[in-house]
Amino acid sequence: MRQADLFPYLKLVCVFIYFALASQGAFYIFLGFSKAMLNVSADTFVEIRRATDSVIGPKLKFGYLAGLALLLAWMFVSFRVQGSKSHYYAAAAFLLLAADMLLAIKLSMPINDLINDTTLKPQNLLTELQQKWLAYIVIRGALCILGLVILLFSELIHPFRPAGF
């Protein structure tokens, strides 16, 4: 099987993973979860973050690494497949996902570490951590949603189908 035959399937898996990552941002932005989380006490927020971080954290790390790797593969294959211009869109989505990941590493994860530290903290510090974390997740979610929109737009502009479709 040639690379060109596998290309649509690579793109499909990549878009699916990107969708899963962008859905977190959509949940916080469009469904209003960030506003809801601002309305709970800092102690409740910390309890929720501790419970979710231990379950979701490893899956998100895998999703980000898989998404970046698949986008690199998308760009590589797109360069090699005659007539495909989707590498430009994949590169833009890659940069947005990388920016999201960088913000997670530099901003969100240090806050998660402080939240997961079980030593007692002053209430005003917990409230500040809550507000910062929610502001960062909205920014990161917007980056990821934009990347997904770019990938979907690329498929509308430059559809690529396997032979026989």
N, C-alpha and C. Protein backbone atom coordinates (compact mmCIF):
# COMPACT_ATOMS: atom_id res chain seq x y z
N MET A 1 0.84 -1.17 0.00
CA MET A 1 0.00 0.00 0.00
C MET A 1 0.89 1.25 0.00
N ARG A 2 0.57 2.19 -0.83
CA ARG A 2 1.35 3.42 -0.94
C ARG A 2 0.97 4.41 0.15
N GLN A 3 1.86 5.38 0.37
CA GLN A 3 1.58 6.43 1.36
C GLN A 3 0.30 7.18 1.00
N ALA A 4 0.11 7.41 -0.29
CA ALA A 4 -1.08 8.15 -0.73
C ALA A 4 -2.36 7.41 -0.35
N ASP A 5 -2.32 6.08 -0.34
CA ASP A 5 -3.50 5.30 0.02
C ASP A 5 -3.80 5.38 1.52
N LEU A 6 -2.75 5.52 2.32
CA LEU A 6 -2.92 5.58 3.78
C LEU A 6 -3.18 7.00 4.28
N PHE A 7 -2.89 7.98 3.45
CA PHE A 7 -2.97 9.38 3.86
C PHE A 7 -4.33 9.78 4.43
N PRO A 8 -5.45 9.42 3.79
CA PRO A 8 -6.75 9.81 4.35
C PRO A 8 -7.00 9.21 5.74
N TYR A 9 -6.50 8.01 5.97
CA TYR A 9 -6.68 7.37 7.26
C TYR A 9 -5.81 8.03 8.33
N LEU A 10 -4.61 8.42 7.95
CA LEU A 10 -3.74 9.17 8.85
C LEU A 10 -4.42 10.48 9.25
N LYS A 11 -4.99 11.17 8.27
CA LYS A 11 -5.67 12.43 8.55
C LYS A 11 -6.88 12.22 9.46
N LEU A 12 -7.61 11.15 9.22
CA LEU A 12 -8.80 10.86 10.03
C LEU A 12 -8.42 10.62 11.50
N VAL A 13 -7.41 9.81 11.73
CA VAL A 13 -6.96 9.54 13.10
C VAL A 13 -6.45 10.82 13.75
N CYS A 14 -5.72 11.61 12.99
CA CYS A 14 -5.18 12.86 13.51
C CYS A 14 -6.30 13.82 13.90
N VAL A 15 -7.29 13.96 13.05
CA VAL A 15 -8.43 14.85 13.35
C VAL A 15 -9.19 14.32 14.57
N PHE A 16 -9.33 13.01 14.67
CA PHE A 16 -10.04 12.44 15.83
C PHE A 16 -9.31 12.78 17.13
N ILE A 17 -7.99 12.60 17.16
CA ILE A 17 -7.22 12.92 18.37
C ILE A 17 -7.29 14.42 18.66
N TYR A 18 -7.16 15.23 17.61
CA TYR A 18 -7.24 16.68 17.81
C TYR A 18 -8.62 17.07 18.34
N PHE A 19 -9.66 16.41 17.83
CA PHE A 19 -11.02 16.67 18.32
C PHE A 19 -11.12 16.35 19.81
N ALA A 20 -10.56 15.23 20.22
CA ALA A 20 -10.60 14.85 21.63
C ALA A 20 -9.91 15.91 22.49
N LEU A 21 -8.78 16.42 22.02
CA LEU A 21 -8.06 17.45 22.78
C LEU A 21 -8.83 18.77 22.78
N ALA A 22 -9.40 19.14 21.64
CA ALA A 22 -10.14 20.40 21.53
C ALA A 22 -11.45 20.35 22.31
N SER A 23 -11.98 19.17 22.52
CA SER A 23 -13.25 19.07 23.25
C SER A 23 -13.12 19.57 24.68
N GLN A 24 -11.94 19.44 25.26
CA GLN A 24 -11.73 19.99 26.61
C GLN A 24 -11.93 21.50 26.59
N GLY A 25 -11.35 22.16 25.60
CA GLY A 25 -11.52 23.60 25.48
C GLY A 25 -12.96 23.98 25.22
N ALA A 26 -13.63 23.21 24.37
CA ALA A 26 -15.04 23.49 24.07
C ALA A 26 -15.89 23.35 25.34
N PHE A 27 -15.56 22.37 26.14
CA PHE A 27 -16.28 22.15 27.39
C PHE A 27 -16.16 23.37 28.31
N TYR A 28 -14.96 23.90 28.42
CA TYR A 28 -14.75 25.05 29.30
C TYR A 28 -15.28 26.35 28.69
N ILE A 29 -15.12 26.52 27.39
CA ILE A 29 -15.49 27.79 26.75
C ILE A 29 -16.97 27.83 26.38
N PHE A 30 -17.40 26.90 25.52
CA PHE A 30 -18.74 26.98 24.95
C PHE A 30 -19.83 26.46 25.88
N LEU A 31 -19.51 25.48 26.69
CA LEU A 31 -20.51 24.96 27.62
C LEU A 31 -20.50 25.69 28.95
N GLY A 32 -19.57 26.61 29.11
CA GLY A 32 -19.55 27.46 30.29
C GLY A 32 -18.99 26.83 31.55
N PHE A 33 -18.24 25.74 31.40
CA PHE A 33 -17.70 25.09 32.59
C PHE A 33 -16.71 25.98 33.33
N SER A 34 -16.00 26.84 32.61
CA SER A 34 -15.06 27.74 33.30
C SER A 34 -15.81 28.71 34.22
N LYS A 35 -16.95 29.21 33.75
CA LYS A 35 -17.75 30.10 34.60
C LYS A 35 -18.33 29.34 35.80
N ALA A 36 -18.76 28.13 35.54
CA ALA A 36 -19.30 27.31 36.63
C ALA A 36 -18.22 27.04 37.68
N MET A 37 -17.01 26.77 37.22
CA MET A 37 -15.91 26.48 38.15
C MET A 37 -15.46 27.73 38.91
N LEU A 38 -15.71 28.90 38.36
CA LEU A 38 -15.42 30.14 39.10
C LEU A 38 -16.44 30.36 40.21
N ASN A 39 -17.61 29.74 40.07
CA ASN A 39 -18.67 29.93 41.06
C ASN A 39 -18.59 28.96 42.24
N VAL A 40 -17.65 28.00 42.18
CA VAL A 40 -17.50 27.09 43.31
C VAL A 40 -16.40 27.63 44.22
N SER A 41 -16.40 27.19 45.44
CA SER A 41 -15.36 27.63 46.38
C SER A 41 -14.00 27.10 45.92
N ALA A 42 -12.96 27.76 46.37
CA ALA A 42 -11.60 27.33 46.02
C ALA A 42 -11.34 25.91 46.52
N ASP A 43 -11.86 25.57 47.68
CA ASP A 43 -11.67 24.22 48.22
C ASP A 43 -12.34 23.17 47.33
N THR A 44 -13.54 23.47 46.86
CA THR A 44 -14.24 22.56 45.95
C THR A 44 -13.48 22.44 44.63
N PHE A 45 -13.00 23.56 44.11
CA PHE A 45 -12.21 23.55 42.88
C PHE A 45 -10.98 22.66 43.04
N VAL A 46 -10.28 22.81 44.14
CA VAL A 46 -9.08 22.01 44.40
C VAL A 46 -9.44 20.53 44.46
N GLU A 47 -10.53 20.21 45.12
CA GLU A 47 -10.96 18.82 45.23
C GLU A 47 -11.27 18.24 43.84
N ILE A 48 -11.97 19.00 43.02
CA ILE A 48 -12.30 18.55 41.67
C ILE A 48 -11.04 18.39 40.83
N ARG A 49 -10.13 19.36 40.90
CA ARG A 49 -8.90 19.30 40.11
C ARG A 49 -8.05 18.10 40.52
N ARG A 50 -7.95 17.84 41.81
CA ARG A 50 -7.16 16.69 42.27
C ARG A 50 -7.75 15.39 41.74
N ALA A 51 -9.07 15.28 41.80
CA ALA A 51 -9.72 14.06 41.34
C ALA A 51 -9.58 13.87 39.84
N THR A 52 -9.73 14.94 39.08
CA THR A 52 -9.68 14.81 37.62
C THR A 52 -8.25 14.72 37.09
N ASP A 53 -7.33 15.44 37.70
CA ASP A 53 -5.95 15.45 37.21
C ASP A 53 -5.33 14.07 37.25
N SER A 54 -5.61 13.32 38.31
CA SER A 54 -5.01 11.98 38.43
C SER A 54 -5.57 11.01 37.39
N VAL A 55 -6.80 11.23 36.96
CA VAL A 55 -7.43 10.34 35.98
C VAL A 55 -7.16 10.78 34.55
N ILE A 56 -7.30 12.08 34.30
CA ILE A 56 -7.22 12.60 32.93
C ILE A 56 -5.80 12.93 32.51
N GLY A 57 -4.96 13.35 33.45
CA GLY A 57 -3.61 13.81 33.13
C GLY A 57 -2.81 12.88 32.23
N PRO A 58 -2.67 11.60 32.58
CA PRO A 58 -1.88 10.70 31.72
C PRO A 58 -2.47 10.53 30.32
N LYS A 59 -3.78 10.51 30.21
CA LYS A 59 -4.43 10.37 28.90
C LYS A 59 -4.19 11.60 28.04
N LEU A 60 -4.24 12.78 28.67
CA LEU A 60 -3.99 14.01 27.92
C LEU A 60 -2.54 14.08 27.44
N LYS A 61 -1.61 13.67 28.28
CA LYS A 61 -0.20 13.67 27.87
C LYS A 61 -0.01 12.79 26.63
N PHE A 62 -0.61 11.60 26.66
CA PHE A 62 -0.53 10.72 25.50
C PHE A 62 -1.19 11.37 24.29
N GLY A 63 -2.35 11.98 24.48
CA GLY A 63 -3.07 12.61 23.38
C GLY A 63 -2.27 13.72 22.73
N TYR A 64 -1.63 14.55 23.54
CA TYR A 64 -0.82 15.64 22.99
C TYR A 64 0.37 15.10 22.20
N LEU A 65 1.07 14.13 22.77
CA LEU A 65 2.23 13.57 22.06
C LEU A 65 1.81 12.85 20.78
N ALA A 66 0.73 12.10 20.85
CA ALA A 66 0.22 11.41 19.66
C ALA A 66 -0.23 12.42 18.61
N GLY A 67 -0.91 13.47 19.04
CA GLY A 67 -1.37 14.50 18.11
C GLY A 67 -0.21 15.18 17.40
N LEU A 68 0.81 15.54 18.15
CA LEU A 68 1.99 16.18 17.54
C LEU A 68 2.69 15.23 16.57
N ALA A 69 2.84 13.97 16.97
CA ALA A 69 3.50 12.99 16.10
C ALA A 69 2.70 12.77 14.82
N LEU A 70 1.39 12.65 14.95
CA LEU A 70 0.55 12.44 13.76
C LEU A 70 0.55 13.66 12.85
N LEU A 71 0.58 14.84 13.42
CA LEU A 71 0.65 16.05 12.59
C LEU A 71 1.98 16.12 11.84
N LEU A 72 3.05 15.71 12.48
CA LEU A 72 4.34 15.64 11.77
C LEU A 72 4.27 14.63 10.63
N ALA A 73 3.66 13.48 10.90
CA ALA A 73 3.50 12.48 9.84
C ALA A 73 2.63 13.04 8.71
N TRP A 74 1.57 13.74 9.06
CA TRP A 74 0.67 14.36 8.08
C TRP A 74 1.47 15.30 7.18
N MET A 75 2.30 16.16 7.80
CA MET A 75 3.09 17.10 7.00
C MET A 75 4.06 16.36 6.09
N PHE A 76 4.72 15.34 6.62
CA PHE A 76 5.69 14.58 5.83
C PHE A 76 5.02 13.90 4.64
N VAL A 77 3.93 13.22 4.90
CA VAL A 77 3.23 12.51 3.81
C VAL A 77 2.64 13.50 2.82
N SER A 78 2.11 14.60 3.30
CA SER A 78 1.52 15.60 2.41
C SER A 78 2.55 16.16 1.44
N PHE A 79 3.78 16.34 1.91
CA PHE A 79 4.85 16.81 1.01
C PHE A 79 5.12 15.79 -0.09
N ARG A 80 4.98 14.52 0.25
CA ARG A 80 5.33 13.45 -0.69
C ARG A 80 4.19 13.08 -1.64
N VAL A 81 2.97 13.41 -1.25
CA VAL A 81 1.81 13.07 -2.08
C VAL A 81 1.58 14.20 -3.07
N GLN A 82 1.61 13.85 -4.34
CA GLN A 82 1.46 14.85 -5.39
C GLN A 82 0.10 15.53 -5.29
N GLY A 83 0.12 16.85 -5.36
CA GLY A 83 -1.11 17.62 -5.39
C GLY A 83 -1.67 17.99 -4.02
N SER A 84 -1.10 17.47 -2.96
CA SER A 84 -1.62 17.79 -1.63
C SER A 84 -1.00 19.08 -1.12
N LYS A 85 -1.85 19.95 -0.63
CA LYS A 85 -1.39 21.21 -0.05
C LYS A 85 -1.72 21.27 1.45
N SER A 86 -2.17 20.17 1.99
CA SER A 86 -2.65 20.19 3.37
C SER A 86 -1.53 20.31 4.40
N HIS A 87 -0.27 20.23 3.96
CA HIS A 87 0.82 20.36 4.94
C HIS A 87 0.85 21.76 5.56
N TYR A 88 0.38 22.76 4.83
CA TYR A 88 0.32 24.11 5.41
C TYR A 88 -0.65 24.16 6.59
N TYR A 89 -1.80 23.54 6.41
CA TYR A 89 -2.81 23.52 7.46
C TYR A 89 -2.34 22.65 8.63
N ALA A 90 -1.73 21.52 8.31
CA ALA A 90 -1.20 20.65 9.37
C ALA A 90 -0.12 21.37 10.16
N ALA A 91 0.71 22.16 9.48
CA ALA A 91 1.76 22.91 10.18
C ALA A 91 1.15 23.94 11.12
N ALA A 92 0.11 24.63 10.67
CA ALA A 92 -0.56 25.61 11.53
C ALA A 92 -1.18 24.93 12.75
N ALA A 93 -1.85 23.80 12.52
CA ALA A 93 -2.45 23.05 13.62
C ALA A 93 -1.38 22.53 14.57
N PHE A 94 -0.26 22.09 14.02
CA PHE A 94 0.87 21.63 14.84
C PHE A 94 1.36 22.75 15.75
N LEU A 95 1.55 23.94 15.18
CA LEU A 95 2.04 25.07 15.97
C LEU A 95 1.06 25.45 17.08
N LEU A 96 -0.23 25.41 16.78
CA LEU A 96 -1.24 25.73 17.79
C LEU A 96 -1.27 24.67 18.90
N LEU A 97 -1.15 23.41 18.51
CA LEU A 97 -1.13 22.34 19.52
C LEU A 97 0.15 22.42 20.35
N ALA A 98 1.26 22.72 19.70
CA ALA A 98 2.53 22.88 20.43
C ALA A 98 2.45 24.06 21.39
N ALA A 99 1.82 25.15 20.97
CA ALA A 99 1.65 26.31 21.85
C ALA A 99 0.77 25.95 23.04
N ASP A 100 -0.30 25.21 22.79
CA ASP A 100 -1.17 24.75 23.87
C ASP A 100 -0.38 23.90 24.85
N MET A 101 0.42 22.98 24.32
CA MET A 101 1.22 22.10 25.18
C MET A 101 2.26 22.89 25.97
N LEU A 102 2.88 23.87 25.33
CA LEU A 102 3.87 24.71 26.01
C LEU A 102 3.22 25.50 27.15
N LEU A 103 2.04 26.06 26.89
CA LEU A 103 1.31 26.76 27.96
C LEU A 103 0.93 25.81 29.09
N ALA A 104 0.56 24.60 28.73
CA ALA A 104 0.23 23.61 29.76
C ALA A 104 1.45 23.33 30.64
N ILE A 105 2.60 23.14 30.00
CA ILE A 105 3.82 22.82 30.75
C ILE A 105 4.28 24.00 31.59
N LYS A 106 4.25 25.18 31.02
CA LYS A 106 4.79 26.37 31.71
C LYS A 106 3.82 27.00 32.70
N LEU A 107 2.52 26.90 32.45
CA LEU A 107 1.55 27.61 33.28
C LEU A 107 0.59 26.68 34.04
N SER A 108 -0.08 25.80 33.33
CA SER A 108 -1.11 24.98 33.97
C SER A 108 -0.54 23.90 34.88
N MET A 109 0.50 23.20 34.42
CA MET A 109 1.04 22.11 35.22
C MET A 109 1.66 22.57 36.54
N PRO A 110 2.36 23.71 36.56
CA PRO A 110 2.84 24.18 37.87
C PRO A 110 1.69 24.48 38.85
N ILE A 111 0.59 24.98 38.31
CA ILE A 111 -0.58 25.21 39.17
C ILE A 111 -1.15 23.87 39.63
N ASN A 112 -1.21 22.90 38.72
CA ASN A 112 -1.67 21.56 39.11
C ASN A 112 -0.79 20.99 40.22
N ASP A 113 0.52 21.19 40.10
CA ASP A 113 1.43 20.70 41.14
C ASP A 113 1.13 21.34 42.49
N LEU A 114 0.88 22.65 42.48
CA LEU A 114 0.53 23.34 43.73
C LEU A 114 -0.80 22.83 44.28
N ILE A 115 -1.74 22.61 43.40
CA ILE A 115 -3.06 22.11 43.82
C ILE A 115 -2.93 20.69 44.38
N ASN A 116 -2.14 19.86 43.73
CA ASN A 116 -2.00 18.46 44.16
C ASN A 116 -1.14 18.31 45.41
N ASP A 117 -0.37 19.33 45.75
CA ASP A 117 0.40 19.33 47.00
C ASP A 117 -0.61 19.41 48.14
N THR A 118 -0.55 18.47 49.04
CA THR A 118 -1.58 18.37 50.08
C THR A 118 -1.34 19.26 51.30
N THR A 119 -0.25 20.02 51.30
CA THR A 119 -0.04 20.91 52.44
C THR A 119 -1.08 22.03 52.40
N LEU A 120 -1.45 22.49 53.55
CA LEU A 120 -2.48 23.53 53.64
C LEU A 120 -1.96 24.84 53.05
N LYS A 121 -2.84 25.50 52.33
CA LYS A 121 -2.51 26.79 51.71
C LYS A 121 -3.56 27.81 52.14
N PRO A 122 -3.17 29.07 52.18
CA PRO A 122 -4.16 30.10 52.52
C PRO A 122 -5.28 30.14 51.47
N GLN A 123 -6.47 30.46 51.92
CA GLN A 123 -7.64 30.49 51.04
C GLN A 123 -7.45 31.45 49.87
N ASN A 124 -6.83 32.61 50.13
CA ASN A 124 -6.66 33.58 49.04
C ASN A 124 -5.70 33.05 47.97
N LEU A 125 -4.72 32.22 48.34
CA LEU A 125 -3.83 31.61 47.34
C LEU A 125 -4.59 30.59 46.50
N LEU A 126 -5.43 29.80 47.14
CA LEU A 126 -6.22 28.82 46.40
C LEU A 126 -7.17 29.50 45.42
N THR A 127 -7.77 30.60 45.83
CA THR A 127 -8.66 31.35 44.95
C THR A 127 -7.88 31.91 43.77
N GLU A 128 -6.69 32.42 44.02
CA GLU A 128 -5.85 32.94 42.94
C GLU A 128 -5.44 31.83 41.97
N LEU A 129 -5.08 30.66 42.49
CA LEU A 129 -4.74 29.52 41.64
C LEU A 129 -5.94 29.10 40.79
N GLN A 130 -7.11 29.09 41.40
CA GLN A 130 -8.34 28.74 40.69
C GLN A 130 -8.56 29.69 39.52
N GLN A 131 -8.47 30.98 39.76
CA GLN A 131 -8.71 31.97 38.71
C GLN A 131 -7.66 31.88 37.60
N LYS A 132 -6.40 31.71 37.96
CA LYS A 132 -5.34 31.60 36.95
C LYS A 132 -5.51 30.34 36.12
N TRP A 133 -5.76 29.21 36.78
CA TRP A 133 -5.88 27.96 36.05
C TRP A 133 -7.03 28.03 35.05
N LEU A 134 -8.14 28.59 35.47
CA LEU A 134 -9.29 28.69 34.57
C LEU A 134 -9.02 29.66 33.42
N ALA A 135 -8.32 30.74 33.67
CA ALA A 135 -7.96 31.67 32.59
C ALA A 135 -7.04 30.97 31.59
N TYR A 136 -6.09 30.20 32.08
CA TYR A 136 -5.15 29.51 31.19
C TYR A 136 -5.85 28.43 30.37
N ILE A 137 -6.78 27.70 30.98
CA ILE A 137 -7.45 26.62 30.24
C ILE A 137 -8.33 27.19 29.13
N VAL A 138 -8.88 28.37 29.33
CA VAL A 138 -9.68 29.01 28.28
C VAL A 138 -8.78 29.42 27.11
N ILE A 139 -7.62 29.99 27.40
CA ILE A 139 -6.68 30.36 26.34
C ILE A 139 -6.20 29.11 25.60
N ARG A 140 -5.82 28.11 26.35
CA ARG A 140 -5.35 26.87 25.74
C ARG A 140 -6.45 26.20 24.92
N GLY A 141 -7.66 26.23 25.44
CA GLY A 141 -8.78 25.65 24.71
C GLY A 141 -9.04 26.36 23.40
N ALA A 142 -8.92 27.68 23.41
CA ALA A 142 -9.12 28.46 22.18
C ALA A 142 -8.06 28.09 21.14
N LEU A 143 -6.82 27.90 21.57
CA LEU A 143 -5.76 27.50 20.63
C LEU A 143 -6.07 26.15 20.01
N CYS A 144 -6.50 25.23 20.83
CA CYS A 144 -6.77 23.87 20.35
C CYS A 144 -8.00 23.85 19.44
N ILE A 145 -9.02 24.58 19.79
CA ILE A 145 -10.22 24.65 18.95
C ILE A 145 -9.87 25.26 17.60
N LEU A 146 -9.07 26.31 17.59
CA LEU A 146 -8.64 26.92 16.34
C LEU A 146 -7.87 25.93 15.48
N GLY A 147 -6.99 25.15 16.09
CA GLY A 147 -6.25 24.13 15.35
C GLY A 147 -7.18 23.11 14.72
N LEU A 148 -8.19 22.68 15.46
CA LEU A 148 -9.15 21.73 14.92
C LEU A 148 -9.92 22.33 13.75
N VAL A 149 -10.35 23.56 13.89
CA VAL A 149 -11.07 24.24 12.80
C VAL A 149 -10.18 24.32 11.56
N ILE A 150 -8.91 24.60 11.73
CA ILE A 150 -7.98 24.67 10.60
C ILE A 150 -7.88 23.31 9.91
N LEU A 151 -7.77 22.23 10.69
CA LEU A 151 -7.69 20.90 10.09
C LEU A 151 -8.97 20.55 9.33
N LEU A 152 -10.11 20.87 9.91
CA LEU A 152 -11.38 20.59 9.24
C LEU A 152 -11.53 21.44 7.98
N PHE A 153 -11.12 22.69 8.06
CA PHE A 153 -11.16 23.58 6.90
C PHE A 153 -10.25 23.04 5.79
N SER A 154 -9.10 22.53 6.17
CA SER A 154 -8.17 21.98 5.17
C SER A 154 -8.81 20.84 4.39
N GLU A 155 -9.60 20.04 5.08
CA GLU A 155 -10.25 18.92 4.40
C GLU A 155 -11.36 19.42 3.46
N LEU A 156 -11.98 20.53 3.79
CA LEU A 156 -12.98 21.10 2.89
C LEU A 156 -12.33 21.70 1.64
N ILE A 157 -11.21 22.38 1.84
CA ILE A 157 -10.53 23.05 0.74
C ILE A 157 -9.74 22.08 -0.12
N HIS A 158 -9.04 21.16 0.53
CA HIS A 158 -8.17 20.21 -0.18
C HIS A 158 -8.52 18.78 0.21
N PRO A 159 -9.70 18.31 -0.17
CA PRO A 159 -10.04 16.93 0.19
C PRO A 159 -9.11 15.96 -0.52
N PHE A 160 -8.79 14.92 0.16
CA PHE A 160 -7.93 13.90 -0.42
C PHE A 160 -8.55 12.56 -0.10
N ARG A 161 -8.90 11.83 -1.12
CA ARG A 161 -9.59 10.55 -0.94
C ARG A 161 -8.73 9.42 -1.50
N PRO A 162 -8.83 8.26 -0.86
CA PRO A 162 -8.11 7.11 -1.41
C PRO A 162 -8.73 6.68 -2.74
N ALA A 163 -7.95 5.96 -3.51
CA ALA A 163 -8.45 5.47 -4.79
C ALA A 163 -9.70 4.63 -4.55
N GLY A 164 -10.69 4.81 -5.39
CA GLY A 164 -11.92 4.05 -5.28
C GLY A 164 -13.02 4.76 -4.51
N PHE A 165 -12.73 5.94 -3.94
CA PHE A 165 -13.75 6.68 -3.21
C PHE A 165 -14.35 7.74 -4.08
